[in-house]
Amino acid sequence: MNELIKIEVKEGQETVNARELHSFLENRRDFSAWIKARVIRYGFIEGVDFTNDTIVVRGSTFKEYFISVDMAKELSMVENNLKGKAARQYFIRCETFAKKAYKKALEARTAGKITRKTLTDEIRDSGENERMHGHGYSTYTRLAYKLTGIKECDRDSLDDDSLERLDLIEDMIRVHVKAGQEYQAVKDALAPIFANITEEME
């Protein structure tokens, strides 16, 4: 999706630089006067709809406003021109795209949890965890991460692509464990498949 106006996250909220929006809208009014008038007229609330920072550049001081996407949509709409319509539609598309991406990520993480649980069950039911003196779960977890080529960490911190790869490998491990293979056999079977396997594997 092409970026028409930059959206960035500040303090956990998606925001738009009001000055950039003002420029895109091609409003001829001075920016400072424009944003202050809009805030008053439409009842926007500082700390809810926007925040501002005082910026100093080459000895000059000015204020930057970072507004919520909802505020950006409303400011675009009240411009009542083609630029305003284009900006508003852009922000709506961004929200739709973000919602779809979030739904996809949530589905992937849910599927990953199911795969992880079935692998854990197989390690337990096959007797692998007992054979490995209670270290079966952690040992297979390390194997999955090494085969994936990513550093072992909290799963929630992984991006969608890494999580998908980890889910695939854990499912492959599960199939081998379910077939009755022990750890060394599982590792020997899967290691050649992945080109990014490290020499550190034990």
Protein backbone atom coordinates (compact mmCIF):
# COMPACT_ATOMS: atom_id res chain seq x y z
CA MET A 1 0.00 0.00 0.00
CA ASN A 2 1.47 3.34 -1.11
CA GLU A 3 2.13 5.85 1.67
CA LEU A 4 0.25 9.07 0.97
CA ILE A 5 0.74 10.62 4.41
CA LYS A 6 3.08 9.12 7.00
CA ILE A 7 1.49 7.40 9.98
CA GLU A 8 3.80 6.67 12.91
CA VAL A 9 3.33 5.27 16.40
CA LYS A 10 3.91 7.60 19.35
CA GLU A 11 3.31 6.41 22.90
CA GLY A 12 1.40 3.39 21.63
CA GLN A 13 -0.95 5.36 19.36
CA GLU A 14 -0.93 5.77 15.59
CA THR A 15 -0.46 9.45 14.81
CA VAL A 16 -0.14 11.83 11.90
CA ASN A 17 2.05 14.91 11.83
CA ALA A 18 -0.53 17.70 11.51
CA ARG A 19 1.92 19.93 9.64
CA GLU A 20 2.38 17.26 6.97
CA LEU A 21 -1.39 16.85 6.69
CA HIS A 22 -1.82 20.62 6.41
CA SER A 23 0.74 20.64 3.60
CA PHE A 24 -0.95 17.77 1.78
CA LEU A 25 -4.34 19.47 2.05
CA GLU A 26 -2.78 22.57 0.45
CA ASN A 27 -4.55 24.82 2.93
CA ARG A 28 -3.21 28.34 2.41
CA ARG A 29 -3.78 29.44 5.99
CA ASP A 30 -0.75 29.64 8.32
CA PHE A 31 -0.30 26.22 9.90
CA SER A 32 -0.25 27.42 13.50
CA ALA A 33 -3.42 29.46 13.05
CA TRP A 34 -5.09 26.62 11.14
CA ILE A 35 -4.48 23.87 13.71
CA LYS A 36 -5.38 26.06 16.69
CA ALA A 37 -8.64 27.15 15.03
CA ARG A 38 -9.53 23.55 14.14
CA VAL A 39 -8.86 22.35 17.70
CA ILE A 40 -11.15 25.03 19.15
CA ARG A 41 -13.91 24.74 16.56
CA TYR A 42 -14.24 20.97 16.62
CA GLY A 43 -13.48 20.39 20.29
CA PHE A 44 -10.39 18.25 19.97
CA ILE A 45 -8.79 17.40 23.31
CA GLU A 46 -5.06 17.50 24.01
CA GLY A 47 -3.83 14.17 25.33
CA VAL A 48 -6.76 12.38 23.70
CA ASP A 49 -6.92 13.53 20.10
CA PHE A 50 -3.46 15.05 19.83
CA THR A 51 -0.18 15.83 21.54
CA ASN A 52 2.35 18.52 20.74
CA ASP A 53 6.10 19.00 21.05
CA THR A 54 8.13 22.18 21.01
CA ILE A 55 10.85 21.93 18.37
CA VAL A 56 13.90 24.18 18.04
CA VAL A 57 15.58 24.38 14.64
CA ARG A 58 18.42 26.83 13.94
CA GLY A 59 17.35 28.97 16.86
CA SER A 60 13.69 29.09 15.80
CA THR A 61 11.05 27.57 18.05
CA PHE A 62 7.85 26.09 16.72
CA LYS A 63 5.25 23.56 17.81
CA GLU A 64 4.56 20.24 16.12
CA TYR A 65 1.17 18.56 16.57
CA PHE A 66 0.79 14.81 16.39
CA ILE A 67 -2.86 13.93 15.86
CA SER A 68 -4.79 10.68 16.02
CA VAL A 69 -5.92 9.03 12.79
CA ASP A 70 -9.54 9.80 13.73
CA MET A 71 -8.69 13.49 14.12
CA ALA A 72 -6.80 13.40 10.82
CA LYS A 73 -9.87 11.93 9.10
CA GLU A 74 -12.10 14.63 10.52
CA LEU A 75 -9.71 17.45 9.60
CA SER A 76 -9.52 16.04 6.08
CA MET A 77 -13.30 15.83 5.79
CA VAL A 78 -13.96 19.42 6.90
CA GLU A 79 -11.58 20.76 4.24
CA ASN A 80 -14.41 19.94 1.83
CA ASN A 81 -12.20 19.61 -1.23
CA LEU A 82 -10.65 16.87 -3.37
CA LYS A 83 -7.43 16.79 -1.33
CA GLY A 84 -9.42 16.40 1.87
CA LYS A 85 -11.48 13.59 0.35
CA ALA A 86 -8.34 11.82 -0.85
CA ALA A 87 -6.69 12.09 2.57
CA ARG A 88 -9.79 10.83 4.40
CA GLN A 89 -10.15 7.84 2.06
CA TYR A 90 -6.45 7.11 2.52
CA PHE A 91 -6.78 7.01 6.32
CA ILE A 92 -9.83 4.76 6.04
CA ARG A 93 -7.86 2.37 3.79
CA CYS A 94 -4.99 2.40 6.29
CA GLU A 95 -7.35 1.43 9.10
CA THR A 96 -8.89 -1.35 7.01
CA PHE A 97 -5.43 -2.64 6.08
CA ALA A 98 -4.30 -2.53 9.72
CA LYS A 99 -7.39 -4.43 10.88
CA LYS A 100 -6.86 -7.15 8.28
CA ALA A 101 -3.18 -7.42 9.18
CA TYR A 102 -4.05 -7.64 12.88
CA LYS A 103 -6.65 -10.34 12.22
CA LYS A 104 -4.15 -12.33 10.16
CA ALA A 105 -1.49 -12.00 12.85
CA LEU A 106 -3.96 -13.03 15.56
CA GLU A 107 -4.99 -16.09 13.57
CA ALA A 108 -1.34 -17.03 13.03
CA ARG A 109 -0.56 -16.69 16.74
CA THR A 110 -3.63 -18.73 17.67
CA ALA A 111 -2.59 -21.46 15.23
CA GLY A 112 0.93 -21.35 16.68
CA LYS A 113 -0.37 -21.88 20.20
CA ILE A 114 -2.37 -24.91 19.03
CA THR A 115 0.70 -26.36 17.29
CA ARG A 116 2.80 -25.71 20.38
CA LYS A 117 0.28 -27.47 22.61
CA THR A 118 0.03 -30.53 20.34
CA LEU A 119 3.83 -30.77 20.21
CA THR A 120 4.01 -30.54 23.99
CA ASP A 121 1.40 -33.30 24.25
CA GLU A 122 3.34 -35.53 21.85
CA ILE A 123 6.60 -35.02 23.77
CA ARG A 124 4.81 -36.03 26.96
CA ASP A 125 2.79 -38.94 25.54
CA SER A 126 5.76 -40.39 23.62
CA GLY A 127 7.81 -40.59 26.79
CA GLU A 128 10.45 -38.22 25.33
CA ASN A 129 10.25 -35.82 28.23
CA GLU A 130 10.79 -38.64 30.70
CA ARG A 131 13.66 -40.09 28.68
CA MET A 132 15.26 -36.65 28.66
CA HIS A 133 14.89 -36.34 32.44
CA GLY A 134 12.29 -33.58 32.28
CA HIS A 135 14.19 -31.50 29.70
CA GLY A 136 12.25 -32.64 26.64
CA TYR A 137 10.14 -29.52 26.24
CA SER A 138 13.04 -27.07 26.56
CA THR A 139 15.34 -29.17 24.35
CA TYR A 140 12.84 -29.38 21.51
CA THR A 141 12.11 -25.67 21.88
CA ARG A 142 15.80 -24.87 21.39
CA LEU A 143 15.89 -27.19 18.38
CA ALA A 144 12.90 -25.44 16.80
CA TYR A 145 14.48 -22.01 17.21
CA LYS A 146 17.85 -23.16 15.84
CA LEU A 147 16.21 -24.73 12.80
CA THR A 148 14.27 -21.52 12.27
CA GLY A 149 17.46 -19.49 12.40
CA ILE A 150 16.14 -16.98 14.93
CA LYS A 151 17.27 -16.21 18.45
CA GLU A 152 15.25 -17.90 21.18
CA CYS A 153 12.91 -15.38 22.77
CA ASP A 154 9.36 -14.72 23.90
CA ARG A 155 7.07 -15.85 21.06
CA ASP A 156 4.96 -12.70 21.40
CA SER A 157 7.95 -10.61 20.33
CA LEU A 158 8.35 -12.46 17.02
CA ASP A 159 7.16 -10.93 13.76
CA ASP A 160 4.56 -12.77 11.69
CA ASP A 161 7.05 -14.36 9.27
CA SER A 162 9.27 -15.71 12.05
CA LEU A 163 6.25 -17.02 13.93
CA GLU A 164 5.00 -18.78 10.81
CA ARG A 165 8.38 -20.47 10.29
CA LEU A 166 8.55 -21.53 13.92
CA ASP A 167 5.02 -22.94 13.72
CA LEU A 168 5.94 -24.95 10.62
CA ILE A 169 9.07 -26.43 12.19
CA GLU A 170 7.31 -27.29 15.46
CA ASP A 171 4.65 -29.11 13.47
CA MET A 172 7.34 -31.06 11.59
CA ILE A 173 8.99 -31.97 14.89
CA ARG A 174 5.61 -33.10 16.22
CA VAL A 175 5.13 -35.45 13.26
CA HIS A 176 8.53 -37.09 13.84
CA VAL A 177 7.99 -37.41 17.59
CA LYS A 178 4.55 -38.91 17.01
CA ALA A 179 6.16 -41.44 14.67
CA GLY A 180 8.25 -42.65 17.60
CA GLN A 181 11.56 -41.00 16.78
CA GLU A 182 13.77 -39.79 19.61
CA TYR A 183 15.53 -36.43 19.75
CA GLN A 184 18.73 -37.32 17.86
CA ALA A 185 16.78 -38.95 15.05
CA VAL A 186 14.43 -35.96 14.80
CA LYS A 187 17.36 -33.54 14.65
CA ASP A 188 19.21 -35.62 12.05
CA ALA A 189 16.09 -35.82 9.90
CA LEU A 190 15.23 -32.13 9.96
CA ALA A 191 18.63 -30.42 10.03
CA PRO A 192 19.51 -31.03 6.35
CA ILE A 193 16.19 -29.51 5.24
CA PHE A 194 17.05 -26.05 6.54
CA ALA A 195 19.97 -24.24 4.97
CA ASN A 196 20.23 -21.76 7.85
CA ILE A 197 20.91 -24.35 10.52
CA THR A 198 23.85 -23.34 12.73
CA GLU A 199 26.98 -25.25 13.58
CA GLU A 200 26.22 -24.60 17.26
CA MET A 201 23.54 -27.29 17.29
CA GLU A 202 24.24 -29.87 19.90
